[in-house]
N, C-alpha and C. Protein backbone atom coordinates (compact mmCIF):
# COMPACT_ATOMS: atom_id res chain seq x y z
N MET A 1 0.84 -1.18 0.00
CA MET A 1 0.00 0.00 0.00
C MET A 1 0.88 1.25 0.00
N ALA A 2 0.50 2.20 -0.81
CA ALA A 2 1.22 3.47 -0.88
C ALA A 2 0.42 4.55 -0.16
N THR A 3 1.12 5.38 0.58
CA THR A 3 0.49 6.50 1.28
C THR A 3 1.08 7.80 0.77
N THR A 4 0.20 8.70 0.39
CA THR A 4 0.62 10.02 -0.09
C THR A 4 0.06 11.07 0.85
N TYR A 5 0.94 11.90 1.41
CA TYR A 5 0.53 12.97 2.32
C TYR A 5 0.42 14.25 1.50
N SER A 6 -0.70 14.97 1.64
CA SER A 6 -0.82 16.17 0.83
C SER A 6 -1.92 17.11 1.30
N THR A 7 -1.98 18.24 0.62
CA THR A 7 -3.12 19.14 0.73
C THR A 7 -4.19 18.50 -0.15
N LEU A 8 -5.26 18.06 0.46
CA LEU A 8 -6.28 17.30 -0.27
C LEU A 8 -7.24 18.20 -1.05
N GLY A 9 -7.48 19.38 -0.53
CA GLY A 9 -8.39 20.27 -1.22
C GLY A 9 -8.38 21.65 -0.62
N GLN A 10 -8.63 22.65 -1.46
CA GLN A 10 -8.75 24.03 -1.04
C GLN A 10 -9.93 24.64 -1.78
N SER A 11 -10.72 25.46 -1.06
CA SER A 11 -11.88 26.05 -1.70
C SER A 11 -12.21 27.39 -1.07
N ASN A 12 -12.67 28.31 -1.91
CA ASN A 12 -13.25 29.58 -1.49
C ASN A 12 -14.65 29.60 -2.11
N PRO A 13 -15.61 28.93 -1.44
CA PRO A 13 -16.92 28.72 -2.06
C PRO A 13 -17.73 30.01 -2.18
N SER A 14 -18.63 30.01 -3.14
CA SER A 14 -19.60 31.09 -3.26
C SER A 14 -20.49 31.07 -2.02
N ALA A 15 -21.02 32.22 -1.65
CA ALA A 15 -21.87 32.32 -0.46
C ALA A 15 -23.08 31.40 -0.57
N ALA A 16 -23.39 30.73 0.54
CA ALA A 16 -24.60 29.91 0.67
C ALA A 16 -24.72 28.82 -0.40
N THR A 17 -23.57 28.24 -0.78
CA THR A 17 -23.55 27.20 -1.81
C THR A 17 -22.75 26.00 -1.32
N PRO A 18 -23.38 24.84 -1.09
CA PRO A 18 -22.61 23.66 -0.74
C PRO A 18 -21.60 23.36 -1.86
N THR A 19 -20.33 23.18 -1.49
CA THR A 19 -19.25 23.05 -2.46
C THR A 19 -18.37 21.87 -2.07
N THR A 20 -18.02 21.03 -3.03
CA THR A 20 -17.14 19.90 -2.75
C THR A 20 -15.72 20.39 -2.52
N LEU A 21 -15.20 20.09 -1.34
CA LEU A 21 -13.82 20.40 -1.00
C LEU A 21 -12.88 19.28 -1.43
N TYR A 22 -13.35 18.04 -1.29
CA TYR A 22 -12.51 16.89 -1.60
C TYR A 22 -13.38 15.72 -2.02
N THR A 23 -12.93 15.01 -3.05
CA THR A 23 -13.55 13.77 -3.50
C THR A 23 -12.50 12.67 -3.38
N CYS A 24 -12.82 11.64 -2.63
CA CYS A 24 -11.89 10.52 -2.48
C CYS A 24 -11.86 9.72 -3.78
N PRO A 25 -10.66 9.56 -4.36
CA PRO A 25 -10.55 8.85 -5.64
C PRO A 25 -10.89 7.36 -5.54
N ALA A 26 -11.15 6.75 -6.69
CA ALA A 26 -11.41 5.31 -6.75
C ALA A 26 -10.21 4.54 -6.21
N ALA A 27 -10.47 3.39 -5.61
CA ALA A 27 -9.44 2.50 -5.07
C ALA A 27 -8.55 3.20 -4.05
N THR A 28 -9.13 4.11 -3.30
CA THR A 28 -8.37 4.91 -2.33
C THR A 28 -9.17 5.04 -1.04
N GLN A 29 -8.46 5.07 0.06
CA GLN A 29 -9.01 5.45 1.35
C GLN A 29 -8.21 6.65 1.81
N THR A 30 -8.88 7.57 2.47
CA THR A 30 -8.21 8.81 2.88
C THR A 30 -8.45 9.08 4.35
N VAL A 31 -7.40 9.57 5.01
CA VAL A 31 -7.51 10.07 6.38
C VAL A 31 -7.30 11.58 6.31
N ILE A 32 -8.33 12.31 6.66
CA ILE A 32 -8.23 13.77 6.71
C ILE A 32 -7.77 14.12 8.12
N SER A 33 -6.53 14.55 8.21
CA SER A 33 -5.94 14.81 9.52
C SER A 33 -6.33 16.17 10.07
N SER A 34 -6.50 17.15 9.20
CA SER A 34 -6.92 18.47 9.68
C SER A 34 -7.68 19.21 8.60
N LEU A 35 -8.55 20.08 9.06
CA LEU A 35 -9.33 20.92 8.17
C LEU A 35 -9.31 22.33 8.75
N VAL A 36 -8.94 23.29 7.92
CA VAL A 36 -8.78 24.68 8.36
C VAL A 36 -9.85 25.53 7.70
N VAL A 37 -10.50 26.36 8.52
CA VAL A 37 -11.53 27.30 8.05
C VAL A 37 -11.01 28.70 8.35
N CYS A 38 -11.02 29.56 7.34
CA CYS A 38 -10.49 30.92 7.49
C CYS A 38 -11.53 31.94 7.05
N ASN A 39 -11.90 32.84 7.96
CA ASN A 39 -12.81 33.94 7.63
C ASN A 39 -11.96 35.18 7.35
N GLN A 40 -11.97 35.64 6.13
CA GLN A 40 -11.13 36.75 5.70
C GLN A 40 -11.86 38.09 5.74
N ALA A 41 -13.04 38.13 6.33
CA ALA A 41 -13.85 39.35 6.35
C ALA A 41 -13.77 40.05 7.71
N ALA A 42 -14.21 41.29 7.72
CA ALA A 42 -14.23 42.10 8.95
C ALA A 42 -15.51 41.87 9.75
N THR A 43 -16.32 40.89 9.35
CA THR A 43 -17.53 40.54 10.08
C THR A 43 -17.57 39.03 10.29
N SER A 44 -18.31 38.59 11.29
CA SER A 44 -18.42 37.16 11.55
C SER A 44 -19.25 36.49 10.47
N ALA A 45 -19.14 35.16 10.39
CA ALA A 45 -19.86 34.37 9.39
C ALA A 45 -20.16 33.00 9.98
N THR A 46 -20.88 32.18 9.23
CA THR A 46 -21.14 30.80 9.65
C THR A 46 -20.69 29.85 8.55
N TYR A 47 -20.47 28.59 8.95
CA TYR A 47 -20.01 27.58 7.99
C TYR A 47 -20.52 26.22 8.37
N ARG A 48 -20.44 25.30 7.40
CA ARG A 48 -20.86 23.91 7.59
C ARG A 48 -19.82 22.99 6.95
N ILE A 49 -19.72 21.78 7.50
CA ILE A 49 -18.86 20.74 6.95
C ILE A 49 -19.66 19.44 6.97
N ALA A 50 -19.69 18.74 5.84
CA ALA A 50 -20.43 17.49 5.75
C ALA A 50 -19.63 16.45 4.98
N VAL A 51 -19.97 15.17 5.20
CA VAL A 51 -19.39 14.07 4.42
C VAL A 51 -20.54 13.37 3.73
N ARG A 52 -20.48 13.35 2.40
CA ARG A 52 -21.48 12.67 1.59
C ARG A 52 -20.96 11.28 1.23
N LYS A 53 -21.35 10.29 2.01
CA LYS A 53 -20.95 8.90 1.80
C LYS A 53 -21.41 8.42 0.43
N ASN A 54 -20.48 7.92 -0.37
CA ASN A 54 -20.78 7.44 -1.72
C ASN A 54 -21.48 8.49 -2.57
N ALA A 55 -21.18 9.76 -2.32
CA ALA A 55 -21.74 10.89 -3.08
C ALA A 55 -23.26 10.96 -2.99
N ALA A 56 -23.81 10.46 -1.90
CA ALA A 56 -25.26 10.51 -1.71
C ALA A 56 -25.75 11.96 -1.65
N VAL A 57 -27.03 12.15 -1.88
CA VAL A 57 -27.63 13.48 -1.81
C VAL A 57 -27.47 14.02 -0.38
N LEU A 58 -27.05 15.25 -0.28
CA LEU A 58 -26.79 15.88 1.02
C LEU A 58 -28.06 15.92 1.86
N ASP A 59 -27.96 15.42 3.11
CA ASP A 59 -29.07 15.52 4.05
C ASP A 59 -28.54 15.80 5.45
N ALA A 60 -29.44 16.02 6.38
CA ALA A 60 -29.09 16.46 7.74
C ALA A 60 -28.16 15.49 8.47
N SER A 61 -28.21 14.19 8.15
CA SER A 61 -27.40 13.21 8.87
C SER A 61 -25.91 13.30 8.53
N MET A 62 -25.54 14.04 7.51
CA MET A 62 -24.17 14.06 7.01
C MET A 62 -23.30 15.16 7.61
N TYR A 63 -23.88 16.07 8.36
CA TYR A 63 -23.13 17.23 8.85
C TYR A 63 -22.24 16.89 10.04
N GLN A 64 -20.99 17.30 9.95
CA GLN A 64 -20.05 17.22 11.06
C GLN A 64 -20.07 18.53 11.85
N VAL A 65 -20.28 19.62 11.12
CA VAL A 65 -20.39 20.97 11.70
C VAL A 65 -21.55 21.65 10.98
N TYR A 66 -22.41 22.33 11.72
CA TYR A 66 -23.57 22.98 11.10
C TYR A 66 -23.76 24.38 11.67
N ASP A 67 -23.64 25.36 10.80
CA ASP A 67 -23.82 26.78 11.13
C ASP A 67 -22.99 27.25 12.33
N ALA A 68 -21.76 26.77 12.40
CA ALA A 68 -20.82 27.25 13.42
C ALA A 68 -20.44 28.68 13.07
N THR A 69 -20.34 29.51 14.08
CA THR A 69 -19.97 30.91 13.87
C THR A 69 -18.46 31.06 13.97
N ILE A 70 -17.90 31.82 13.04
CA ILE A 70 -16.48 32.13 13.06
C ILE A 70 -16.35 33.65 13.09
N ALA A 71 -15.55 34.14 14.02
CA ALA A 71 -15.38 35.59 14.19
C ALA A 71 -14.66 36.21 13.00
N ALA A 72 -14.75 37.51 12.89
CA ALA A 72 -14.08 38.25 11.83
C ALA A 72 -12.58 37.99 11.86
N ASN A 73 -11.98 37.89 10.69
CA ASN A 73 -10.52 37.74 10.55
C ASN A 73 -9.94 36.65 11.45
N THR A 74 -10.58 35.50 11.43
CA THR A 74 -10.20 34.41 12.33
C THR A 74 -10.03 33.11 11.54
N THR A 75 -9.17 32.25 12.07
CA THR A 75 -8.97 30.92 11.51
C THR A 75 -9.27 29.88 12.58
N VAL A 76 -9.98 28.83 12.18
CA VAL A 76 -10.31 27.71 13.06
C VAL A 76 -9.71 26.46 12.44
N SER A 77 -9.04 25.63 13.26
CA SER A 77 -8.47 24.38 12.78
C SER A 77 -9.11 23.21 13.51
N TYR A 78 -9.51 22.22 12.75
CA TYR A 78 -10.04 20.98 13.30
C TYR A 78 -8.99 19.89 13.09
N THR A 79 -8.63 19.19 14.16
CA THR A 79 -7.78 18.01 14.07
C THR A 79 -8.73 16.83 14.10
N LEU A 80 -8.78 16.06 13.00
CA LEU A 80 -9.88 15.13 12.82
C LEU A 80 -9.52 13.66 12.88
N GLY A 81 -8.68 13.20 12.00
CA GLY A 81 -8.51 11.78 11.82
C GLY A 81 -9.74 11.18 11.16
N MET A 82 -10.46 11.98 10.39
CA MET A 82 -11.68 11.55 9.72
C MET A 82 -11.32 10.67 8.52
N THR A 83 -11.97 9.53 8.40
CA THR A 83 -11.69 8.62 7.29
C THR A 83 -12.81 8.69 6.26
N VAL A 84 -12.41 8.70 4.99
CA VAL A 84 -13.37 8.65 3.90
C VAL A 84 -12.91 7.59 2.90
N ASP A 85 -13.86 7.05 2.19
CA ASP A 85 -13.60 5.95 1.26
C ASP A 85 -13.84 6.43 -0.17
N ALA A 86 -13.48 5.60 -1.12
CA ALA A 86 -13.64 5.94 -2.53
C ALA A 86 -15.06 6.44 -2.80
N SER A 87 -15.15 7.53 -3.51
CA SER A 87 -16.37 8.22 -3.93
C SER A 87 -17.06 9.02 -2.83
N ASP A 88 -16.51 9.05 -1.63
CA ASP A 88 -17.06 9.93 -0.59
C ASP A 88 -16.63 11.37 -0.89
N LEU A 89 -17.49 12.33 -0.54
CA LEU A 89 -17.22 13.74 -0.76
C LEU A 89 -17.21 14.49 0.57
N VAL A 90 -16.27 15.39 0.72
CA VAL A 90 -16.28 16.33 1.85
C VAL A 90 -16.81 17.64 1.27
N VAL A 91 -17.89 18.13 1.85
CA VAL A 91 -18.58 19.30 1.33
C VAL A 91 -18.53 20.42 2.37
N VAL A 92 -18.27 21.64 1.91
CA VAL A 92 -18.24 22.80 2.78
C VAL A 92 -19.26 23.83 2.31
N TYR A 93 -19.61 24.72 3.21
CA TYR A 93 -20.62 25.76 2.94
C TYR A 93 -20.23 26.96 3.80
N ALA A 94 -20.35 28.14 3.25
CA ALA A 94 -20.05 29.36 3.99
C ALA A 94 -21.17 30.36 3.76
N SER A 95 -21.48 31.14 4.78
CA SER A 95 -22.55 32.13 4.65
C SER A 95 -22.12 33.32 3.81
N THR A 96 -20.81 33.50 3.62
CA THR A 96 -20.30 34.60 2.79
C THR A 96 -19.24 34.05 1.83
N ASN A 97 -18.85 34.84 0.86
CA ASN A 97 -17.81 34.40 -0.08
C ASN A 97 -16.42 34.84 0.36
N THR A 98 -16.27 35.15 1.63
CA THR A 98 -14.98 35.60 2.16
C THR A 98 -14.32 34.55 3.04
N MET A 99 -14.71 33.30 2.84
CA MET A 99 -14.15 32.23 3.65
C MET A 99 -13.42 31.22 2.78
N SER A 100 -12.38 30.62 3.34
CA SER A 100 -11.67 29.56 2.63
C SER A 100 -11.54 28.34 3.53
N PHE A 101 -11.43 27.19 2.88
CA PHE A 101 -11.33 25.90 3.55
C PHE A 101 -10.16 25.14 2.95
N THR A 102 -9.38 24.46 3.80
CA THR A 102 -8.28 23.62 3.33
C THR A 102 -8.29 22.32 4.13
N ALA A 103 -8.18 21.19 3.41
CA ALA A 103 -8.10 19.87 4.04
C ALA A 103 -6.70 19.30 3.79
N PHE A 104 -6.12 18.74 4.85
CA PHE A 104 -4.80 18.09 4.78
C PHE A 104 -4.96 16.64 5.21
N GLY A 105 -4.19 15.74 4.60
CA GLY A 105 -4.29 14.36 5.04
C GLY A 105 -3.48 13.40 4.19
N SER A 106 -3.89 12.13 4.24
CA SER A 106 -3.17 11.03 3.61
C SER A 106 -4.10 10.22 2.74
N GLU A 107 -3.68 9.98 1.51
CA GLU A 107 -4.40 9.07 0.62
C GLU A 107 -3.68 7.73 0.61
N ILE A 108 -4.44 6.64 0.78
CA ILE A 108 -3.86 5.31 0.86
C ILE A 108 -4.40 4.50 -0.31
N THR A 109 -3.50 4.02 -1.14
CA THR A 109 -3.90 3.23 -2.31
C THR A 109 -3.26 1.85 -2.25
N ALA A 110 -3.91 0.89 -2.89
CA ALA A 110 -3.40 -0.49 -2.89
C ALA A 110 -2.27 -0.64 -3.88
């Protein structure tokens, strides 16, 4: 098995739009070790993080974080160890277009 450590995804999503941050490739398992949320605005905002197992339609059961508030000009880091499998999606959402998300982790392939 080969393990690749990398920046898995980066996104600056449009306001109020669920956006795929990371898609786990075929024949791969991924450990997301950390996820960073950055609010680049002078006002607070809210955000969401979800995992869509097998790219299923987004529903309430998939949220890891829902409408968490982030202060102006602030960064929040989550240390996760979250595992995702082939075709799973990590989806982010921000109340404004002044936020960015970055996922770091390891992809494991056979």
